[in-house]
C-alpha cells in the first residue's frame, strides 16, 4: 500500500483503539448520513463460525460467472486493506478508499456522540463504494457473531449460517446454543436461510429463530448435500439442481460443505429472478480463489498457509494435512514443521494439541503476529510444553518462517497457521511485499 493511502486512512487505523463495540446504532447513523447506501443493492449475508469467508467467495464467484457485477465484503485482510472490498475480484482503488473514508470521518464527527469502531467505519466504506459502483449484488461476510454485527443492517435476499463452533466466547457466549442465537440474528423476517452442518443443539436455536421470523430454512445433509471424495470432483444434490462433475480449487473436504451452502443459497433466490445457469455454476466454482485458507504458497519445501484460529478450524486443517501426508507416502525422513501464532483469547492449548496429532510433525515453531492482542510465543510454549514435540520460540513471523525454511529439506512440509494475521504476514514475506498497518 502506498504512502498516500496510508496517510489518508490513518483515521481508520486510529479507530482500532476503540476495539469491538457490539451494536448497530453507530453504523446506522453513519449510513443514514451518507444516504443509506446499503439499500442500493440486493445482498446475500454470510455468517457462521468457520467457512463464511470461503462460502462468501464462492457465492460471489458464482454470481460473477453469470455476468453480474458483484461486490464482496470480507474480513480480515491478509496483506492489504483493499482486499476487504472487491467488485468482481478487483480490490477497491486507493482513491475511493481516500474519498469514502473522508466521508465517513465527516459523518462521524457530525452525527455520532462517540467514534465508530474500525469495523463499523470499514463496513460503511464498503457499502458506500458498492452503491457508487452500482453493483447488482453484494455478498457480505459477517464480522463477528451476527445479531449485533455492523453488517447486520442489510435486508438480504438470503442468509447463510455455515457452521457453529466455540470462538469469541467473551462476546457471543460460552455454549454452542448461545453462539447460535447470536449467529441467527442475521435471519430477517420472511427471508430464507441456508444452514450448514451445525449440530442438533444449535440447529434447534436457528430453527426457533427462523420460525419466529417466518423465514424458510434449509439444512445441509437434510435438504441438500454433496457427494464425492473432495472438492476436486463432486456432485451437488440440491433443492432442484442436480449438478455432476463439479470442481473447486479450494483444498479440504470442508469446502464441499461451503460449496453446497453457496449453491443452495443461489437456488433459494432463483425465484427472486437471480439466475445462475449450470454452466455459470461450473465456471464460477472452478474460478474461486480464497488466499490464506489452505493456500499452497511455496514449493520444495511445500509451504501451506491457513488461518485456523479455533478448534473447529484446526480439526479441518489437521484432517487435510493427514490426507496430504498419506498421499505423499510414508517416509522416515520427511518432516512437517508447524509455524504457529495465535491471539491471546483463543483456545490455544486445544488448538496446539489438535495440530500436533498430524503424523510427521517434527518441530513446533511458535511466534506472534505484529498485533497487540497476539499471544506471546513464550506463553504458547507453555501451552505446548507437554505435547511431545520439539519447540522453538521466535519473536516475529519473519524469524519463524526463516527458521522453518532453514530446517526444512526440499521434501519436507511447512504449515503456517493459528491466525489469519500470522498467515498474512507469512504470505507478504513469501511474496516480497509488506502487510498493511490496518489489521483486525
Protein backbone atom coordinates (compact mmCIF):
# COMPACT_ATOMS: atom_id res chain seq x y z
CA UNK A 1 0.00 0.00 0.00
CA UNK A 2 1.45 3.39 -1.00
CA UNK A 3 2.20 6.16 1.48
CA UNK A 4 -0.64 8.42 0.35
CA UNK A 5 -3.34 5.90 1.10
CA UNK A 6 -1.72 5.02 4.44
CA UNK A 7 -1.97 8.69 5.38
CA UNK A 8 -5.48 9.08 4.05
CA UNK A 9 -6.85 6.19 6.10
CA UNK A 10 -4.96 6.92 9.30
CA UNK A 11 -8.43 7.80 10.61
CA UNK A 12 -9.42 4.14 10.25
CA UNK A 13 -6.22 2.96 11.89
CA UNK A 14 -6.85 5.21 14.88
CA UNK A 15 -10.30 3.69 15.34
CA UNK A 16 -8.76 0.32 16.17
CA UNK A 17 -8.01 1.54 19.68
CA UNK A 18 -11.76 1.54 20.35
CA UNK A 19 -11.83 -2.24 19.98
CA UNK A 20 -15.09 -4.12 19.47
CA UNK A 21 -18.33 -2.40 20.49
CA UNK A 22 -21.35 -4.52 19.52
CA UNK A 23 -24.44 -2.67 18.33
CA UNK A 24 -25.93 -1.21 15.17
CA UNK A 25 -26.73 2.40 16.14
CA UNK A 26 -23.40 3.92 15.08
CA UNK A 27 -23.37 2.08 11.76
CA UNK A 28 -26.97 3.05 11.01
CA UNK A 29 -26.28 6.70 11.84
CA UNK A 30 -23.27 6.80 9.52
CA UNK A 31 -25.16 5.11 6.71
CA UNK A 32 -28.09 7.50 7.13
CA UNK A 33 -25.73 10.47 6.87
CA UNK A 34 -24.40 9.03 3.58
CA UNK A 35 -27.86 8.43 2.11
CA UNK A 36 -28.33 4.79 3.19
CA UNK A 37 -26.16 3.18 0.51
CA UNK A 38 -26.90 -0.30 1.88
CA UNK A 39 -30.37 -0.01 0.32
CA UNK A 40 -28.96 0.45 -3.18
CA UNK A 41 -28.20 -3.21 -3.89
CA UNK A 42 -29.58 -6.68 -3.13
CA UNK A 43 -27.32 -8.62 -0.79
CA UNK A 44 -26.52 -12.11 0.42
CA UNK A 45 -25.44 -12.26 4.07
CA UNK A 46 -22.98 -14.97 5.14
CA UNK A 47 -22.33 -15.81 8.79
CA UNK A 48 -21.02 -18.73 10.82
CA UNK A 49 -18.03 -19.62 12.97
CA UNK A 50 -15.89 -21.10 10.18
CA UNK A 51 -16.27 -21.25 6.42
CA UNK A 52 -18.14 -17.99 5.99
CA UNK A 53 -15.32 -16.30 4.07
CA UNK A 54 -14.84 -19.24 1.69
CA UNK A 55 -18.60 -19.50 1.21
CA UNK A 56 -18.90 -15.78 0.52
CA UNK A 57 -16.09 -16.01 -2.04
CA UNK A 58 -17.90 -18.91 -3.73
CA UNK A 59 -21.23 -17.07 -3.89
CA UNK A 60 -19.50 -14.03 -5.37
CA UNK A 61 -17.65 -16.15 -7.95
CA UNK A 62 -20.85 -17.94 -8.96
CA UNK A 63 -22.75 -14.68 -9.46
CA UNK A 64 -19.85 -13.08 -11.32
CA UNK A 65 -19.62 -16.09 -13.63
CA UNK A 66 -23.23 -15.46 -14.62
CA UNK A 67 -22.22 -11.94 -15.64
CA UNK A 68 -23.44 -9.96 -12.63
CA UNK A 69 -21.48 -7.06 -11.19
CA UNK A 70 -20.80 -8.38 -7.68
CA UNK A 71 -19.45 -6.67 -4.59
CA UNK A 72 -17.70 -8.81 -1.98
CA UNK A 73 -17.03 -7.56 1.55
CA UNK A 74 -14.93 -9.77 3.84
CA UNK A 75 -12.63 -9.51 6.84
CA UNK A 76 -9.92 -9.53 7.93
CA UNK A 77 -7.50 -8.92 5.09
CA UNK A 78 -4.32 -10.93 4.68
CA UNK A 79 -1.86 -8.40 3.28
CA UNK A 80 -3.58 -5.25 2.04
CA UNK A 81 -6.61 -3.41 3.40
CA UNK A 82 -8.16 -3.15 -0.06
CA UNK A 83 -8.68 -6.95 -0.16
CA UNK A 84 -11.72 -6.48 2.07
CA UNK A 85 -13.75 -4.61 -0.54
CA UNK A 86 -13.87 -6.06 -4.05
CA UNK A 87 -16.00 -5.96 -7.17
CA UNK A 88 -15.70 -8.98 -9.46
CA UNK A 89 -12.31 -9.78 -7.95
CA UNK A 90 -10.90 -6.25 -8.24
CA UNK A 91 -9.97 -4.54 -4.98
CA UNK A 92 -11.23 -1.07 -4.17
CA UNK A 93 -8.87 1.56 -5.67
CA UNK A 94 -6.87 3.81 -3.36
CA UNK A 95 -8.66 6.96 -4.46
CA UNK A 96 -12.03 5.52 -3.45
CA UNK A 97 -10.70 4.49 -0.04
CA UNK A 98 -9.45 8.04 0.48
CA UNK A 99 -12.66 9.71 -0.66
CA UNK A 100 -15.09 7.47 1.20
CA UNK A 101 -13.02 7.44 4.38
CA UNK A 102 -13.20 11.22 4.42
CA UNK A 103 -16.97 10.99 4.00
CA UNK A 104 -17.16 8.61 6.96
CA UNK A 105 -14.91 10.82 9.06
CA UNK A 106 -17.09 13.88 8.39
CA UNK A 107 -20.27 11.94 9.12
CA UNK A 108 -18.83 10.56 12.36
CA UNK A 109 -17.80 13.99 13.59
CA UNK A 110 -21.22 15.49 12.91
CA UNK A 111 -23.59 12.60 13.69
CA UNK A 112 -22.01 10.44 16.41
CA UNK A 113 -21.55 11.08 20.10
CA UNK A 114 -18.67 8.58 20.18
CA UNK A 115 -16.26 7.39 17.49
CA UNK A 116 -17.22 4.36 15.41
CA UNK A 117 -15.13 1.23 15.57
CA UNK A 118 -12.69 0.31 12.82
CA UNK A 119 -15.03 -2.39 11.53
CA UNK A 120 -18.08 -0.12 11.59
CA UNK A 121 -16.30 2.54 9.56
CA UNK A 122 -14.90 -0.02 7.11
CA UNK A 123 -18.36 -1.54 6.64
CA UNK A 124 -19.81 1.88 5.77
CA UNK A 125 -16.97 2.49 3.30
CA UNK A 126 -17.74 -0.85 1.63
CA UNK A 127 -21.47 -0.24 1.31
CA UNK A 128 -20.92 3.30 0.02
CA UNK A 129 -18.47 2.00 -2.58
CA UNK A 130 -20.84 -0.73 -3.75
CA UNK A 131 -23.63 1.85 -4.11
CA UNK A 132 -21.39 4.25 -6.05
CA UNK A 133 -20.28 1.45 -8.37
CA UNK A 134 -23.87 0.26 -8.82
CA UNK A 135 -23.22 -3.38 -8.08
CA UNK A 136 -26.04 -5.73 -9.00
CA UNK A 137 -25.41 -7.90 -5.92
CA UNK A 138 -23.28 -7.68 -2.80
CA UNK A 139 -22.05 -10.67 -0.83
CA UNK A 140 -21.42 -9.59 2.75
CA UNK A 141 -19.49 -11.63 5.31
CA UNK A 142 -20.39 -11.13 8.96
CA UNK A 143 -17.51 -9.78 11.03
CA UNK A 144 -18.30 -11.26 14.46
CA UNK A 145 -21.44 -13.03 15.63
CA UNK A 146 -24.33 -11.64 13.65
CA UNK A 147 -27.08 -10.09 15.75
CA UNK A 148 -25.02 -7.05 16.79
CA UNK A 149 -22.52 -7.09 13.92
CA UNK A 150 -22.13 -3.90 11.88
CA UNK A 151 -23.05 -5.77 8.70
CA UNK A 152 -26.47 -6.65 10.11
CA UNK A 153 -28.03 -3.52 8.67
CA UNK A 154 -28.75 -5.02 5.26
CA UNK A 155 -32.01 -6.61 4.10
CA UNK A 156 -30.62 -9.66 2.28
CA UNK A 157 -32.27 -11.89 -0.29
CA UNK A 158 -30.99 -14.90 1.66
CA UNK A 159 -28.81 -15.52 4.70
CA UNK A 160 -26.30 -18.33 5.21
CA UNK A 161 -25.07 -19.77 8.52
CA UNK A 162 -22.20 -22.11 7.70
CA UNK A 163 -21.07 -23.66 11.00
CA UNK A 164 -21.37 -23.12 14.74
CA UNK A 165 -18.30 -23.57 16.95
CA UNK A 166 -16.70 -22.15 20.06
CA UNK A 167 -14.98 -18.85 19.29
CA UNK A 168 -15.17 -15.27 20.57
CA UNK A 169 -16.93 -16.53 23.70
CA UNK A 170 -16.38 -13.25 25.52
CA UNK A 171 -18.79 -11.63 23.06
CA UNK A 172 -21.03 -14.48 21.93
CA UNK A 173 -21.43 -16.77 24.93
CA UNK A 174 -19.87 -19.96 26.27
CA UNK A 175 -22.16 -22.57 24.70
CA UNK A 176 -22.87 -23.58 21.13
CA UNK A 177 -26.51 -22.70 21.65
CA UNK A 178 -25.68 -19.19 22.88
CA UNK A 179 -23.39 -18.67 19.88
CA UNK A 180 -26.10 -20.00 17.56
CA UNK A 181 -28.51 -17.41 18.98
CA UNK A 182 -26.10 -14.62 18.04
CA UNK A 183 -25.43 -16.08 14.58
CA UNK A 184 -29.18 -16.49 13.97
CA UNK A 185 -29.54 -12.75 14.48
CA UNK A 186 -28.88 -12.28 10.76
CA UNK A 187 -32.15 -14.05 9.88
CA UNK A 188 -34.65 -11.44 8.71
CA UNK A 189 -38.44 -11.63 8.62
CA UNK A 190 -39.61 -13.65 5.65
CA UNK A 191 -36.07 -14.06 4.30
CA UNK A 192 -34.85 -17.62 3.66
CA UNK A 193 -31.79 -19.01 5.43
CA UNK A 194 -29.36 -21.74 4.47
CA UNK A 195 -27.89 -23.71 7.37
CA UNK A 196 -24.71 -25.80 7.21
CA UNK A 197 -23.62 -28.64 9.50
CA UNK A 198 -24.21 -27.05 12.88
CA UNK A 199 -25.31 -29.88 15.20
CA UNK A 200 -28.72 -30.51 16.73
CA UNK A 201 -28.44 -28.08 19.67
CA UNK A 202 -27.50 -25.04 17.55
CA UNK A 203 -29.97 -26.12 14.85
CA UNK A 204 -32.82 -26.03 17.34
CA UNK A 205 -31.93 -22.42 18.16
CA UNK A 206 -31.74 -21.46 14.49
CA UNK A 207 -34.99 -23.30 13.79
CA UNK A 208 -36.75 -21.32 16.52
CA UNK A 209 -35.38 -18.01 15.21
CA UNK A 210 -36.50 -18.86 11.68
CA UNK A 211 -39.99 -19.79 12.89
CA UNK A 212 -40.28 -16.59 14.89
CA UNK A 213 -39.37 -14.55 11.80
CA UNK A 214 -41.41 -16.66 9.40
CA UNK A 215 -38.27 -17.48 7.45
CA UNK A 216 -37.97 -20.64 5.37
CA UNK A 217 -34.82 -22.60 6.09
CA UNK A 218 -32.95 -25.50 4.51
CA UNK A 219 -30.32 -27.64 6.19
CA UNK A 220 -27.19 -29.25 4.74
CA UNK A 221 -27.47 -33.04 4.89
CA UNK A 222 -31.25 -32.94 5.05
CA UNK A 223 -32.41 -30.78 2.16
CA UNK A 224 -29.26 -30.54 0.06
CA UNK A 225 -25.79 -32.10 0.05
CA UNK A 226 -22.74 -33.02 -1.97
CA UNK A 227 -21.20 -36.36 -2.84
CA UNK A 228 -17.58 -37.01 -3.72
CA UNK A 229 -14.17 -37.51 -2.19
CA UNK A 230 -13.19 -33.88 -2.22
CA UNK A 231 -13.56 -30.52 -3.96
CA UNK A 232 -11.55 -31.73 -6.97
CA UNK A 233 -14.60 -33.63 -8.27
CA UNK A 234 -18.01 -33.73 -6.64
CA UNK A 235 -21.73 -33.67 -7.28
CA UNK A 236 -24.36 -31.36 -5.80
CA UNK A 237 -27.83 -32.63 -4.87
CA UNK A 238 -29.92 -29.57 -4.22
CA UNK A 239 -33.49 -28.49 -3.83
CA UNK A 240 -33.94 -28.68 -7.62
CA UNK A 241 -30.45 -28.61 -9.09
CA UNK A 242 -28.55 -31.82 -9.82
CA UNK A 243 -25.00 -30.92 -10.83
CA UNK A 244 -22.41 -33.61 -11.63
CA UNK A 245 -18.67 -33.30 -12.10
CA UNK A 246 -18.19 -30.01 -10.25
CA UNK A 247 -14.71 -28.89 -9.24
CA UNK A 248 -13.44 -26.25 -6.84
CA UNK A 249 -9.74 -25.42 -6.40
CA UNK A 250 -10.00 -24.75 -2.67
CA UNK A 251 -8.47 -27.73 -0.81
CA UNK A 252 -10.10 -29.66 2.03
CA UNK A 253 -13.27 -31.73 2.38
CA UNK A 254 -14.87 -28.93 4.39
CA UNK A 255 -15.01 -26.91 1.16
CA UNK A 256 -17.65 -29.34 -0.11
CA UNK A 257 -19.96 -28.10 2.65
CA UNK A 258 -19.15 -24.49 1.83
CA UNK A 259 -19.85 -25.09 -1.86
CA UNK A 260 -23.14 -26.78 -1.00
CA UNK A 261 -24.25 -23.82 1.11
CA UNK A 262 -23.30 -21.36 -1.64
CA UNK A 263 -25.24 -23.31 -4.26
CA UNK A 264 -28.27 -23.77 -2.01
CA UNK A 265 -28.40 -20.04 -1.33
CA UNK A 266 -28.49 -19.29 -5.05
CA UNK A 267 -31.18 -21.93 -5.53
CA UNK A 268 -33.29 -20.17 -2.91
CA UNK A 269 -33.01 -16.77 -4.61
CA UNK A 270 -33.67 -18.12 -8.11
CA UNK A 271 -37.38 -17.47 -7.62
CA UNK A 272 -36.47 -13.82 -7.00
CA UNK A 273 -35.07 -13.59 -10.50
CA UNK A 274 -31.41 -14.25 -9.66
CA UNK A 275 -30.44 -16.67 -12.40
CA UNK A 276 -27.23 -18.73 -12.31
CA UNK A 277 -27.01 -21.27 -15.11
CA UNK A 278 -25.44 -24.71 -14.82
CA UNK A 279 -22.51 -23.52 -16.94
CA UNK A 280 -22.03 -20.48 -14.67
CA UNK A 281 -22.12 -22.74 -11.63
CA UNK A 282 -19.36 -24.91 -13.05
CA UNK A 283 -17.24 -21.98 -14.21
CA UNK A 284 -17.79 -19.99 -11.03
CA UNK A 285 -16.75 -22.77 -8.67
CA UNK A 286 -13.69 -23.59 -10.75
CA UNK A 287 -12.63 -19.93 -10.70
CA UNK A 288 -13.00 -19.21 -6.97
CA UNK A 289 -9.90 -18.10 -5.08
CA UNK A 290 -9.57 -17.57 -1.34
CA UNK A 291 -5.97 -16.89 -0.23
CA UNK A 292 -4.70 -17.80 3.21
CA UNK A 293 -7.04 -20.74 3.63
CA UNK A 294 -5.12 -23.93 2.90
CA UNK A 295 -3.10 -21.96 0.38
CA UNK A 296 -0.07 -23.68 -1.08
CA UNK A 297 2.28 -20.70 -1.15
CA UNK A 298 5.63 -22.38 -1.83
CA UNK A 299 7.24 -25.49 -3.25
CA UNK A 300 10.33 -27.50 -2.24
CA UNK A 301 9.63 -27.32 0.58
CA UNK A 302 5.85 -27.13 0.34
CA UNK A 303 4.59 -24.17 2.38
CA UNK A 304 0.93 -24.14 3.40
CA UNK A 305 -0.78 -21.06 4.82
CA UNK A 306 -4.00 -21.40 6.79
CA UNK A 307 -5.80 -19.08 9.19
CA UNK A 308 -7.16 -21.81 11.52
CA UNK A 309 -7.78 -19.95 14.79
CA UNK A 310 -10.23 -22.13 16.72
CA UNK A 311 -10.57 -25.86 17.42
CA UNK A 312 -13.11 -26.49 14.67
CA UNK A 313 -10.85 -24.90 12.04
CA UNK A 314 -7.80 -26.67 13.47
CA UNK A 315 -9.58 -30.03 13.07
CA UNK A 316 -10.30 -29.25 9.41
CA UNK A 317 -6.68 -28.26 8.83
CA UNK A 318 -5.38 -31.36 10.63
CA UNK A 319 -7.66 -33.61 8.59
CA UNK A 320 -6.34 -32.11 5.36
CA UNK A 321 -2.71 -32.39 6.45
CA UNK A 322 -3.22 -36.05 7.35
CA UNK A 323 -4.65 -36.66 3.87
CA UNK A 324 -1.83 -34.69 2.29
CA UNK A 325 0.73 -36.65 4.29
CA UNK A 326 -0.78 -40.01 3.37
CA UNK A 327 -0.97 -39.08 -0.30
CA UNK A 328 2.73 -38.27 -0.34
CA UNK A 329 3.62 -41.68 1.08
CA UNK A 330 5.39 -42.80 4.23
CA UNK A 331 9.00 -41.74 4.69
CA UNK A 332 11.02 -41.69 7.91
CA UNK A 333 12.98 -38.67 6.65
CA UNK A 334 10.04 -36.49 5.57
CA UNK A 335 9.04 -33.92 8.18
CA UNK A 336 6.18 -31.49 8.90
CA UNK A 337 7.21 -28.23 10.55
CA UNK A 338 4.44 -26.16 12.15
CA UNK A 339 4.77 -22.39 12.49
CA UNK A 340 2.02 -21.21 14.85
CA UNK A 341 0.94 -17.88 16.30
CA UNK A 342 -2.40 -17.08 17.94
CA UNK A 343 -4.37 -14.35 19.62
CA UNK A 344 -4.43 -14.24 23.41
CA UNK A 345 -8.13 -15.10 23.72
CA UNK A 346 -8.08 -18.34 21.72
CA UNK A 347 -8.29 -21.93 23.00
CA UNK A 348 -4.55 -22.16 22.45
CA UNK A 349 -3.69 -25.44 24.13
CA UNK A 350 -6.52 -27.32 22.44
CA UNK A 351 -5.60 -25.94 19.01
CA UNK A 352 -1.95 -26.87 19.50
CA UNK A 353 -2.94 -30.35 20.69
CA UNK A 354 -5.06 -30.90 17.57
CA UNK A 355 -2.36 -29.70 15.19
CA UNK A 356 0.38 -31.83 16.75
CA UNK A 357 -1.62 -35.04 16.21
CA UNK A 358 -0.80 -34.86 12.50
CA UNK A 359 1.76 -37.55 11.53
CA UNK A 360 5.23 -36.31 10.75
CA UNK A 361 5.23 -33.20 12.97
CA UNK A 362 8.88 -32.78 13.88
CA UNK A 363 9.08 -29.17 15.05
CA UNK A 364 6.75 -26.57 16.53
CA UNK A 365 7.96 -23.02 15.89
CA UNK A 366 5.93 -20.58 17.98
CA UNK A 367 5.70 -16.90 17.14
CA UNK A 368 3.39 -13.89 17.20
CA UNK A 369 1.81 -11.54 14.68
CA UNK A 370 2.53 -7.83 14.89
CA UNK A 371 -0.73 -7.14 16.72
CA UNK A 372 -1.35 -6.01 20.32
CA UNK A 373 -3.73 -8.92 21.01
CA UNK A 374 -1.27 -11.56 19.84
CA UNK A 375 -0.23 -14.13 22.42
CA UNK A 376 3.43 -14.12 23.37
CA UNK A 377 5.24 -17.11 21.85
CA UNK A 378 6.62 -17.90 25.33
CA UNK A 379 3.02 -18.33 26.53
CA UNK A 380 2.31 -20.63 23.59
CA UNK A 381 5.41 -22.63 24.51
CA UNK A 382 3.96 -23.21 27.98
CA UNK A 383 0.67 -24.32 26.39
CA UNK A 384 2.53 -26.85 24.24
CA UNK A 385 5.11 -27.98 26.78
CA UNK A 386 3.71 -31.49 27.30
CA UNK A 387 2.68 -32.26 23.71
CA UNK A 388 5.87 -34.17 22.96
CA UNK A 389 7.05 -32.04 20.04
CA UNK A 390 10.32 -30.06 20.00
CA UNK A 391 9.60 -26.34 20.45
CA UNK A 392 11.38 -23.28 19.12
CA UNK A 393 10.33 -19.72 20.00
CA UNK A 394 10.76 -16.83 17.56
CA UNK A 395 9.78 -13.22 18.22
CA UNK A 396 8.37 -12.46 14.75
CA UNK A 397 6.68 -14.31 11.93
CA UNK A 398 9.61 -13.44 9.67
CA UNK A 399 12.09 -15.05 12.03
CA UNK A 400 9.84 -18.09 12.47
CA UNK A 401 9.41 -18.59 8.73
CA UNK A 402 13.14 -18.18 8.12
CA UNK A 403 13.85 -20.75 10.83
CA UNK A 404 11.36 -23.21 9.32
CA UNK A 405 12.85 -22.81 5.85
CA UNK A 406 16.34 -23.34 7.22
CA UNK A 407 15.28 -26.57 8.96
CA UNK A 408 13.21 -27.93 6.09
CA UNK A 409 14.56 -30.06 3.30
CA UNK A 410 13.12 -29.95 -0.20
CA UNK A 411 10.76 -32.87 0.53
CA UNK A 412 9.52 -31.52 3.86
CA UNK A 413 6.36 -29.50 4.51
CA UNK A 414 5.90 -26.23 6.41
CA UNK A 415 2.47 -25.16 7.63
CA UNK A 416 1.97 -21.60 8.92
CA UNK A 417 -1.25 -21.29 10.92
CA UNK A 418 -3.06 -20.20 14.11
CA UNK A 419 -4.28 -16.83 12.84
CA UNK A 420 -5.04 -15.08 9.58
CA UNK A 421 -2.74 -12.33 10.80
CA UNK A 422 0.16 -14.80 11.01
CA UNK A 423 -0.74 -16.32 7.64
CA UNK A 424 -0.94 -12.84 6.13
CA UNK A 425 2.48 -11.82 7.40
CA UNK A 426 3.99 -15.03 6.06
CA UNK A 427 2.27 -14.53 2.70
CA UNK A 428 3.63 -10.99 2.43
CA UNK A 429 7.15 -12.20 3.15
CA UNK A 430 6.94 -15.00 0.62
CA UNK A 431 5.68 -12.54 -2.00
CA UNK A 432 8.24 -9.87 -1.14
CA UNK A 433 5.72 -7.26 -0.06
CA UNK A 434 4.61 -5.68 3.24
CA UNK A 435 1.46 -6.02 5.29
CA UNK A 436 -0.88 -3.06 5.58
CA UNK A 437 -0.83 -1.48 9.03
CA UNK A 438 -4.61 -1.70 9.19
CA UNK A 439 -5.42 -5.15 10.57
CA UNK A 440 -8.13 -6.87 12.54
